[in-house]
């Protein structure tokens, strides 16, 4: 393990990408279909985790990937805020 790598990132790197994608998809769908505040809070919690992951991996991502991730994160946060209101 590199000096700058945390144990959490090491564990995330070993996970099956398909499983992680499906788990995130389930969280998003539950957040979208959950009524009102519960769905908004779940989506905001998911967005917070994604913000943390983006800040950690920002330096190694291509410019196009960064922009796409920012757009998707902005959409997720906008939907979460709309559910809260």
PDB file of N, CA and C in Angstrom:
ATOM      1  N   UNK A   1       0.856  -1.178   0.000  1.00  0.00           N
ATOM      2  CA  UNK A   1       0.000   0.000   0.000  1.00  0.00           C
ATOM      3  C   UNK A   1       0.902   1.240   0.000  1.00  0.00           C
ATOM      4  N   UNK A   2       0.522   2.203  -0.807  1.00  0.00           N
ATOM      5  CA  UNK A   2       1.299   3.428  -0.878  1.00  0.00           C
ATOM      6  C   UNK A   2       1.053   4.284   0.352  1.00  0.00           C
ATOM      7  N   UNK A   3       1.985   5.178   0.606  1.00  0.00           N
ATOM      8  CA  UNK A   3       1.894   6.053   1.763  1.00  0.00           C
ATOM      9  C   UNK A   3       0.660   6.950   1.731  1.00  0.00           C
ATOM     10  N   UNK A   4       0.239   7.353   0.531  1.00  0.00           N
ATOM     11  CA  UNK A   4      -0.897   8.272   0.416  1.00  0.00           C
ATOM     12  C   UNK A   4      -2.236   7.550   0.336  1.00  0.00           C
ATOM     13  N   UNK A   5      -2.210   6.234   0.248  1.00  0.00           N
ATOM     14  CA  UNK A   5      -3.444   5.471   0.094  1.00  0.00           C
ATOM     15  C   UNK A   5      -3.985   5.046   1.453  1.00  0.00           C
ATOM     16  N   UNK A   6      -5.254   5.267   1.659  1.00  0.00           N
ATOM     17  CA  UNK A   6      -5.877   4.900   2.921  1.00  0.00           C
ATOM     18  C   UNK A   6      -6.389   3.463   2.857  1.00  0.00           C
ATOM     19  N   UNK A   7      -6.588   2.827   4.005  1.00  0.00           N
ATOM     20  CA  UNK A   7      -7.141   1.470   4.002  1.00  0.00           C
ATOM     21  C   UNK A   7      -8.534   1.389   3.381  1.00  0.00           C
ATOM     22  N   UNK A   8      -9.318   2.459   3.514  1.00  0.00           N
ATOM     23  CA  UNK A   8     -10.656   2.470   2.921  1.00  0.00           C
ATOM     24  C   UNK A   8     -10.557   2.388   1.404  1.00  0.00           C
ATOM     25  N   UNK A   9      -9.631   3.134   0.823  1.00  0.00           N
ATOM     26  CA  UNK A   9      -9.475   3.100  -0.631  1.00  0.00           C
ATOM     27  C   UNK A   9      -8.956   1.752  -1.100  1.00  0.00           C
ATOM     28  N   UNK A  10      -8.116   1.121  -0.319  1.00  0.00           N
ATOM     29  CA  UNK A  10      -7.624  -0.215  -0.668  1.00  0.00           C
ATOM     30  C   UNK A  10      -8.772  -1.217  -0.712  1.00  0.00           C
ATOM     31  N   UNK A  11      -9.659  -1.130   0.260  1.00  0.00           N
ATOM     32  CA  UNK A  11     -10.815  -2.037   0.270  1.00  0.00           C
ATOM     33  C   UNK A  11     -11.750  -1.744  -0.892  1.00  0.00           C
ATOM     34  N   UNK A  12     -11.963  -0.470  -1.202  1.00  0.00           N
ATOM     35  CA  UNK A  12     -12.832  -0.119  -2.324  1.00  0.00           C
ATOM     36  C   UNK A  12     -12.256  -0.624  -3.644  1.00  0.00           C
ATOM     37  N   UNK A  13     -10.953  -0.575  -3.792  1.00  0.00           N
ATOM     38  CA  UNK A  13     -10.316  -1.018  -5.027  1.00  0.00           C
ATOM     39  C   UNK A  13     -10.471  -2.525  -5.243  1.00  0.00           C
ATOM     40  N   UNK A  14     -10.639  -3.267  -4.173  1.00  0.00           N
ATOM     41  CA  UNK A  14     -10.774  -4.724  -4.295  1.00  0.00           C
ATOM     42  C   UNK A  14     -12.203  -5.170  -4.564  1.00  0.00           C
ATOM     43  N   UNK A  15     -13.176  -4.272  -4.456  1.00  0.00           N
ATOM     44  CA  UNK A  15     -14.564  -4.642  -4.671  1.00  0.00           C
ATOM     45  C   UNK A  15     -14.847  -4.868  -6.152  1.00  0.00           C
ATOM     46  N   UNK A  16     -15.821  -5.717  -6.407  1.00  0.00           N
ATOM     47  CA  UNK A  16     -16.253  -5.995  -7.770  1.00  0.00           C
ATOM     48  C   UNK A  16     -16.984  -4.761  -8.314  1.00  0.00           C
ATOM     49  N   UNK A  17     -16.529  -4.202  -9.439  1.00  0.00           N
ATOM     50  CA  UNK A  17     -17.153  -2.982  -9.974  1.00  0.00           C
ATOM     51  C   UNK A  17     -18.640  -3.154 -10.296  1.00  0.00           C
ATOM     52  N   UNK A  18     -19.033  -4.318 -10.768  1.00  0.00           N
ATOM     53  CA  UNK A  18     -20.440  -4.548 -11.086  1.00  0.00           C
ATOM     54  C   UNK A  18     -21.289  -4.503  -9.821  1.00  0.00           C
ATOM     55  N   UNK A  19     -20.794  -5.101  -8.755  1.00  0.00           N
ATOM     56  CA  UNK A  19     -21.519  -5.092  -7.493  1.00  0.00           C
ATOM     57  C   UNK A  19     -21.656  -3.683  -6.948  1.00  0.00           C
ATOM     58  N   UNK A  20     -20.600  -2.902  -7.035  1.00  0.00           N
ATOM     59  CA  UNK A  20     -20.635  -1.518  -6.553  1.00  0.00           C
ATOM     60  C   UNK A  20     -21.619  -0.698  -7.380  1.00  0.00           C
ATOM     61  N   UNK A  21     -21.614  -0.891  -8.687  1.00  0.00           N
ATOM     62  CA  UNK A  21     -22.546  -0.177  -9.556  1.00  0.00           C
ATOM     63  C   UNK A  21     -23.989  -0.527  -9.219  1.00  0.00           C
ATOM     64  N   UNK A  22     -24.269  -1.816  -9.056  1.00  0.00           N
ATOM     65  CA  UNK A  22     -25.633  -2.235  -8.750  1.00  0.00           C
ATOM     66  C   UNK A  22     -26.082  -1.733  -7.378  1.00  0.00           C
ATOM     67  N   UNK A  23     -25.177  -1.732  -6.401  1.00  0.00           N
ATOM     68  CA  UNK A  23     -25.524  -1.215  -5.070  1.00  0.00           C
ATOM     69  C   UNK A  23     -25.832   0.280  -5.142  1.00  0.00           C
ATOM     70  N   UNK A  24     -25.025   1.034  -5.892  1.00  0.00           N
ATOM     71  CA  UNK A  24     -25.283   2.466  -6.045  1.00  0.00           C
ATOM     72  C   UNK A  24     -26.594   2.702  -6.787  1.00  0.00           C
ATOM     73  N   UNK A  25     -26.881   1.880  -7.788  1.00  0.00           N
ATOM     74  CA  UNK A  25     -28.134   2.000  -8.527  1.00  0.00           C
ATOM     75  C   UNK A  25     -29.330   1.743  -7.611  1.00  0.00           C
ATOM     76  N   UNK A  26     -29.224   0.738  -6.770  1.00  0.00           N
ATOM     77  CA  UNK A  26     -30.302   0.446  -5.821  1.00  0.00           C
ATOM     78  C   UNK A  26     -30.507   1.618  -4.869  1.00  0.00           C
ATOM     79  N   UNK A  27     -29.407   2.201  -4.363  1.00  0.00           N
ATOM     80  CA  UNK A  27     -29.534   3.348  -3.461  1.00  0.00           C
ATOM     81  C   UNK A  27     -30.207   4.532  -4.148  1.00  0.00           C
ATOM     82  N   UNK A  28     -29.835   4.783  -5.384  1.00  0.00           N
ATOM     83  CA  UNK A  28     -30.446   5.898  -6.119  1.00  0.00           C
ATOM     84  C   UNK A  28     -31.934   5.634  -6.345  1.00  0.00           C
ATOM     85  N   UNK A  29     -32.277   4.425  -6.749  1.00  0.00           N
ATOM     86  CA  UNK A  29     -33.687   4.119  -6.994  1.00  0.00           C
ATOM     87  C   UNK A  29     -34.515   4.182  -5.712  1.00  0.00           C
ATOM     88  N   UNK A  30     -33.966   3.680  -4.612  1.00  0.00           N
ATOM     89  CA  UNK A  30     -34.679   3.769  -3.336  1.00  0.00           C
ATOM     90  C   UNK A  30     -34.845   5.235  -2.955  1.00  0.00           C
ATOM     91  N   UNK A  31     -33.800   6.034  -3.148  1.00  0.00           N
ATOM     92  CA  UNK A  31     -33.889   7.461  -2.840  1.00  0.00           C
ATOM     93  C   UNK A  31     -34.897   8.186  -3.708  1.00  0.00           C
ATOM     94  N   UNK A  32     -34.989   7.789  -4.971  1.00  0.00           N
ATOM     95  CA  UNK A  32     -35.947   8.441  -5.869  1.00  0.00           C
ATOM     96  C   UNK A  32     -37.383   8.057  -5.548  1.00  0.00           C
ATOM     97  N   UNK A  33     -37.604   6.807  -5.159  1.00  0.00           N
ATOM     98  CA  UNK A  33     -38.971   6.349  -4.920  1.00  0.00           C
ATOM     99  C   UNK A  33     -39.410   6.483  -3.468  1.00  0.00           C
ATOM    100  N   UNK A  34     -38.492   6.734  -2.557  1.00  0.00           N
ATOM    101  CA  UNK A  34     -38.868   6.941  -1.159  1.00  0.00           C
ATOM    102  C   UNK A  34     -39.581   8.292  -1.048  1.00  0.00           C
ATOM    103  N   UNK A  35     -40.583   8.343  -0.203  1.00  0.00           N
ATOM    104  CA  UNK A  35     -41.357   9.584  -0.122  1.00  0.00           C
ATOM    105  C   UNK A  35     -40.610  10.714   0.590  1.00  0.00           C
ATOM    106  N   UNK A  36     -40.721  11.897   0.016  1.00  0.00           N
ATOM    107  CA  UNK A  36     -40.284  13.139   0.645  1.00  0.00           C
ATOM    108  C   UNK A  36     -38.893  13.194   1.210  1.00  0.00           C
ATOM    109  N   UNK A  37     -38.829  13.552   2.481  1.00  0.00           N
ATOM    110  CA  UNK A  37     -37.572  13.838   3.155  1.00  0.00           C
ATOM    111  C   UNK A  37     -36.664  12.611   3.220  1.00  0.00           C
ATOM    112  N   UNK A  38     -37.227  11.433   3.425  1.00  0.00           N
ATOM    113  CA  UNK A  38     -36.406  10.223   3.533  1.00  0.00           C
ATOM    114  C   UNK A  38     -35.600   9.989   2.258  1.00  0.00           C
ATOM    115  N   UNK A  39     -36.238  10.143   1.106  1.00  0.00           N
ATOM    116  CA  UNK A  39     -35.542   9.970  -0.160  1.00  0.00           C
ATOM    117  C   UNK A  39     -34.499  11.049  -0.391  1.00  0.00           C
ATOM    118  N   UNK A  40     -34.833  12.273  -0.038  1.00  0.00           N
ATOM    119  CA  UNK A  40     -33.879  13.376  -0.202  1.00  0.00           C
ATOM    120  C   UNK A  40     -32.652  13.206   0.660  1.00  0.00           C
ATOM    121  N   UNK A  41     -32.855  12.777   1.898  1.00  0.00           N
ATOM    122  CA  UNK A  41     -31.716  12.567   2.800  1.00  0.00           C
ATOM    123  C   UNK A  41     -30.836  11.427   2.297  1.00  0.00           C
ATOM    124  N   UNK A  42     -31.456  10.354   1.802  1.00  0.00           N
ATOM    125  CA  UNK A  42     -30.676   9.232   1.266  1.00  0.00           C
ATOM    126  C   UNK A  42     -29.860   9.666   0.053  1.00  0.00           C
ATOM    127  N   UNK A  43     -30.459  10.437  -0.817  1.00  0.00           N
ATOM    128  CA  UNK A  43     -29.733  10.922  -1.998  1.00  0.00           C
ATOM    129  C   UNK A  43     -28.608  11.879  -1.608  1.00  0.00           C
ATOM    130  N   UNK A  44     -28.846  12.725  -0.616  1.00  0.00           N
ATOM    131  CA  UNK A  44     -27.782  13.625  -0.161  1.00  0.00           C
ATOM    132  C   UNK A  44     -26.641  12.851   0.502  1.00  0.00           C
ATOM    133  N   UNK A  45     -26.954  11.784   1.225  1.00  0.00           N
ATOM    134  CA  UNK A  45     -25.908  10.956   1.830  1.00  0.00           C
ATOM    135  C   UNK A  45     -25.080  10.279   0.746  1.00  0.00           C
ATOM    136  N   UNK A  46     -25.742   9.793  -0.288  1.00  0.00           N
ATOM    137  CA  UNK A  46     -25.018   9.197  -1.410  1.00  0.00           C
ATOM    138  C   UNK A  46     -24.151  10.243  -2.100  1.00  0.00           C
ATOM    139  N   UNK A  47     -24.680  11.443  -2.279  1.00  0.00           N
ATOM    140  CA  UNK A  47     -23.912  12.520  -2.903  1.00  0.00           C
ATOM    141  C   UNK A  47     -22.695  12.889  -2.058  1.00  0.00           C
ATOM    142  N   UNK A  48     -22.843  12.889  -0.745  1.00  0.00           N
ATOM    143  CA  UNK A  48     -21.702  13.206   0.126  1.00  0.00           C
ATOM    144  C   UNK A  48     -20.596  12.161  -0.029  1.00  0.00           C
ATOM    145  N   UNK A  49     -20.979  10.902  -0.104  1.00  0.00           N
ATOM    146  CA  UNK A  49     -19.980   9.858  -0.323  1.00  0.00           C
ATOM    147  C   UNK A  49     -19.291  10.007  -1.669  1.00  0.00           C
ATOM    148  N   UNK A  50     -20.055  10.377  -2.680  1.00  0.00           N
ATOM    149  CA  UNK A  50     -19.465  10.566  -4.005  1.00  0.00           C
ATOM    150  C   UNK A  50     -18.557  11.793  -4.049  1.00  0.00           C
ATOM    151  N   UNK A  51     -18.912  12.834  -3.321  1.00  0.00           N
ATOM    152  CA  UNK A  51     -18.037  14.016  -3.246  1.00  0.00           C
ATOM    153  C   UNK A  51     -16.708  13.631  -2.615  1.00  0.00           C
ATOM    154  N   UNK A  52     -16.759  12.864  -1.536  1.00  0.00           N
ATOM    155  CA  UNK A  52     -15.514  12.415  -0.895  1.00  0.00           C
ATOM    156  C   UNK A  52     -14.674  11.596  -1.873  1.00  0.00           C
ATOM    157  N   UNK A  53     -15.313  10.662  -2.574  1.00  0.00           N
ATOM    158  CA  UNK A  53     -14.582   9.826  -3.522  1.00  0.00           C
ATOM    159  C   UNK A  53     -14.014  10.650  -4.670  1.00  0.00           C
ATOM    160  N   UNK A  54     -14.763  11.654  -5.125  1.00  0.00           N
ATOM    161  CA  UNK A  54     -14.259  12.515  -6.193  1.00  0.00           C
ATOM    162  C   UNK A  54     -13.056  13.333  -5.748  1.00  0.00           C
ATOM    163  N   UNK A  55     -13.083  13.835  -4.525  1.00  0.00           N
ATOM    164  CA  UNK A  55     -11.951  14.632  -4.056  1.00  0.00           C
ATOM    165  C   UNK A  55     -10.699  13.783  -3.915  1.00  0.00           C
ATOM    166  N   UNK A  56     -10.861  12.535  -3.558  1.00  0.00           N
ATOM    167  CA  UNK A  56      -9.705  11.649  -3.396  1.00  0.00           C
ATOM    168  C   UNK A  56      -9.118  11.264  -4.752  1.00  0.00           C
ATOM    169  N   UNK A  57      -9.976  11.049  -5.751  1.00  0.00           N
ATOM    170  CA  UNK A  57      -9.515  10.557  -7.046  1.00  0.00           C
ATOM    171  C   UNK A  57      -9.384  11.646  -8.106  1.00  0.00           C
ATOM    172  N   UNK A  58      -9.567  12.898  -7.738  1.00  0.00           N
ATOM    173  CA  UNK A  58      -9.580  14.002  -8.704  1.00  0.00           C
ATOM    174  C   UNK A  58      -8.294  14.073  -9.527  1.00  0.00           C
ATOM    175  N   UNK A  59      -7.160  13.926  -8.902  1.00  0.00           N
ATOM    176  CA  UNK A  59      -5.876  14.114  -9.596  1.00  0.00           C
ATOM    177  C   UNK A  59      -5.602  13.058 -10.661  1.00  0.00           C
ATOM    178  N   UNK A  60      -6.183  11.895 -10.546  1.00  0.00           N
ATOM    179  CA  UNK A  60      -5.878  10.817 -11.488  1.00  0.00           C
ATOM    180  C   UNK A  60      -6.946  10.642 -12.565  1.00  0.00           C
ATOM    181  N   UNK A  61      -7.954  11.493 -12.582  1.00  0.00           N
ATOM    182  CA  UNK A  61      -9.025  11.391 -13.573  1.00  0.00           C
ATOM    183  C   UNK A  61      -8.746  12.308 -14.757  1.00  0.00           C
ATOM    184  N   UNK A  62      -9.200  11.875 -15.929  1.00  0.00           N
ATOM    185  CA  UNK A  62      -9.083  12.696 -17.136  1.00  0.00           C
ATOM    186  C   UNK A  62     -10.067  13.865 -17.039  1.00  0.00           C
ATOM    187  N   UNK A  63      -9.782  14.909 -17.790  1.00  0.00           N
ATOM    188  CA  UNK A  63     -10.615  16.112 -17.746  1.00  0.00           C
ATOM    189  C   UNK A  63     -12.065  15.807 -18.131  1.00  0.00           C
ATOM    190  N   UNK A  64     -12.271  14.992 -19.154  1.00  0.00           N
ATOM    191  CA  UNK A  64     -13.632  14.652 -19.578  1.00  0.00           C
ATOM    192  C   UNK A  64     -14.363  13.868 -18.487  1.00  0.00           C
ATOM    193  N   UNK A  65     -13.662  12.983 -17.817  1.00  0.00           N
ATOM    194  CA  UNK A  65     -14.259  12.208 -16.733  1.00  0.00           C
ATOM    195  C   UNK A  65     -14.638  13.115 -15.580  1.00  0.00           C
ATOM    196  N   UNK A  66     -13.788  14.074 -15.269  1.00  0.00           N
ATOM    197  CA  UNK A  66     -14.084  15.020 -14.193  1.00  0.00           C
ATOM    198  C   UNK A  66     -15.372  15.793 -14.489  1.00  0.00           C
ATOM    199  N   UNK A  67     -15.496  16.281 -15.716  1.00  0.00           N
ATOM    200  CA  UNK A  67     -16.670  17.076 -16.073  1.00  0.00           C
ATOM    201  C   UNK A  67     -17.940  16.232 -16.026  1.00  0.00           C
ATOM    202  N   UNK A  68     -17.873  15.016 -16.540  1.00  0.00           N
ATOM    203  CA  UNK A  68     -19.037  14.144 -16.518  1.00  0.00           C
ATOM    204  C   UNK A  68     -19.454  13.829 -15.085  1.00  0.00           C
ATOM    205  N   UNK A  69     -18.500  13.565 -14.228  1.00  0.00           N
ATOM    206  CA  UNK A  69     -18.809  13.276 -12.828  1.00  0.00           C
ATOM    207  C   UNK A  69     -19.401  14.502 -12.128  1.00  0.00           C
ATOM    208  N   UNK A  70     -18.888  15.685 -12.438  1.00  0.00           N
ATOM    209  CA  UNK A  70     -19.454  16.897 -11.843  1.00  0.00           C
ATOM    210  C   UNK A  70     -20.895  17.127 -12.286  1.00  0.00           C
ATOM    211  N   UNK A  71     -21.177  16.884 -13.557  1.00  0.00           N
ATOM    212  CA  UNK A  71     -22.540  17.050 -14.067  1.00  0.00           C
ATOM    213  C   UNK A  71     -23.479  16.060 -13.387  1.00  0.00           C
ATOM    214  N   UNK A  72     -23.073  14.799 -13.295  1.00  0.00           N
ATOM    215  CA  UNK A  72     -23.913  13.781 -12.670  1.00  0.00           C
ATOM    216  C   UNK A  72     -24.130  14.072 -11.184  1.00  0.00           C
ATOM    217  N   UNK A  73     -23.086  14.528 -10.510  1.00  0.00           N
ATOM    218  CA  UNK A  73     -23.214  14.863  -9.093  1.00  0.00           C
ATOM    219  C   UNK A  73     -24.132  16.064  -8.894  1.00  0.00           C
ATOM    220  N   UNK A  74     -24.041  17.041  -9.762  1.00  0.00           N
ATOM    221  CA  UNK A  74     -24.918  18.210  -9.688  1.00  0.00           C
ATOM    222  C   UNK A  74     -26.376  17.800  -9.886  1.00  0.00           C
ATOM    223  N   UNK A  75     -26.630  16.907 -10.837  1.00  0.00           N
ATOM    224  CA  UNK A  75     -27.995  16.416 -11.054  1.00  0.00           C
ATOM    225  C   UNK A  75     -28.511  15.657  -9.836  1.00  0.00           C
ATOM    226  N   UNK A  76     -27.668  14.832  -9.234  1.00  0.00           N
ATOM    227  CA  UNK A  76     -28.070  14.075  -8.046  1.00  0.00           C
ATOM    228  C   UNK A  76     -28.422  15.010  -6.889  1.00  0.00           C
ATOM    229  N   UNK A  77     -27.598  16.028  -6.676  1.00  0.00           N
ATOM    230  CA  UNK A  77     -27.860  16.976  -5.594  1.00  0.00           C
ATOM    231  C   UNK A  77     -29.120  17.792  -5.883  1.00  0.00           C
ATOM    232  N   UNK A  78     -29.324  18.180  -7.146  1.00  0.00           N
ATOM    233  CA  UNK A  78     -30.528  18.947  -7.489  1.00  0.00           C
ATOM    234  C   UNK A  78     -31.780  18.111  -7.252  1.00  0.00           C
ATOM    235  N   UNK A  79     -31.755  16.851  -7.617  1.00  0.00           N
ATOM    236  CA  UNK A  79     -32.918  15.985  -7.380  1.00  0.00           C
ATOM    237  C   UNK A  79     -33.150  15.806  -5.894  1.00  0.00           C
ATOM    238  N   UNK A  80     -32.070  15.625  -5.144  1.00  0.00           N
ATOM    239  CA  UNK A  80     -32.204  15.452  -3.679  1.00  0.00           C
ATOM    240  C   UNK A  80     -32.815  16.699  -3.045  1.00  0.00           C
ATOM    241  N   UNK A  81     -32.353  17.855  -3.452  1.00  0.00           N
ATOM    242  CA  UNK A  81     -32.907  19.099  -2.893  1.00  0.00           C
ATOM    243  C   UNK A  81     -34.354  19.298  -3.301  1.00  0.00           C
ATOM    244  N   UNK A  82     -34.691  18.906  -4.517  1.00  0.00           N
ATOM    245  CA  UNK A  82     -36.080  19.024  -4.954  1.00  0.00           C
ATOM    246  C   UNK A  82     -36.990  18.116  -4.138  1.00  0.00           C
ATOM    247  N   UNK A  83     -36.499  16.937  -3.770  1.00  0.00           N
ATOM    248  CA  UNK A  83     -37.293  16.039  -2.944  1.00  0.00           C
ATOM    249  C   UNK A  83     -37.460  16.592  -1.535  1.00  0.00           C
ATOM    250  N   UNK A  84     -36.475  17.321  -1.062  1.00  0.00           N
ATOM    251  CA  UNK A  84     -36.562  17.885   0.293  1.00  0.00           C
ATOM    252  C   UNK A  84     -37.541  19.057   0.376  1.00  0.00           C
ATOM    253  N   UNK A  85     -37.731  19.741  -0.727  1.00  0.00           N
ATOM    254  CA  UNK A  85     -38.616  20.915  -0.725  1.00  0.00           C
ATOM    255  C   UNK A  85     -40.025  20.559  -0.987  1.00  0.00           C
TER     256      UNK A  85
END
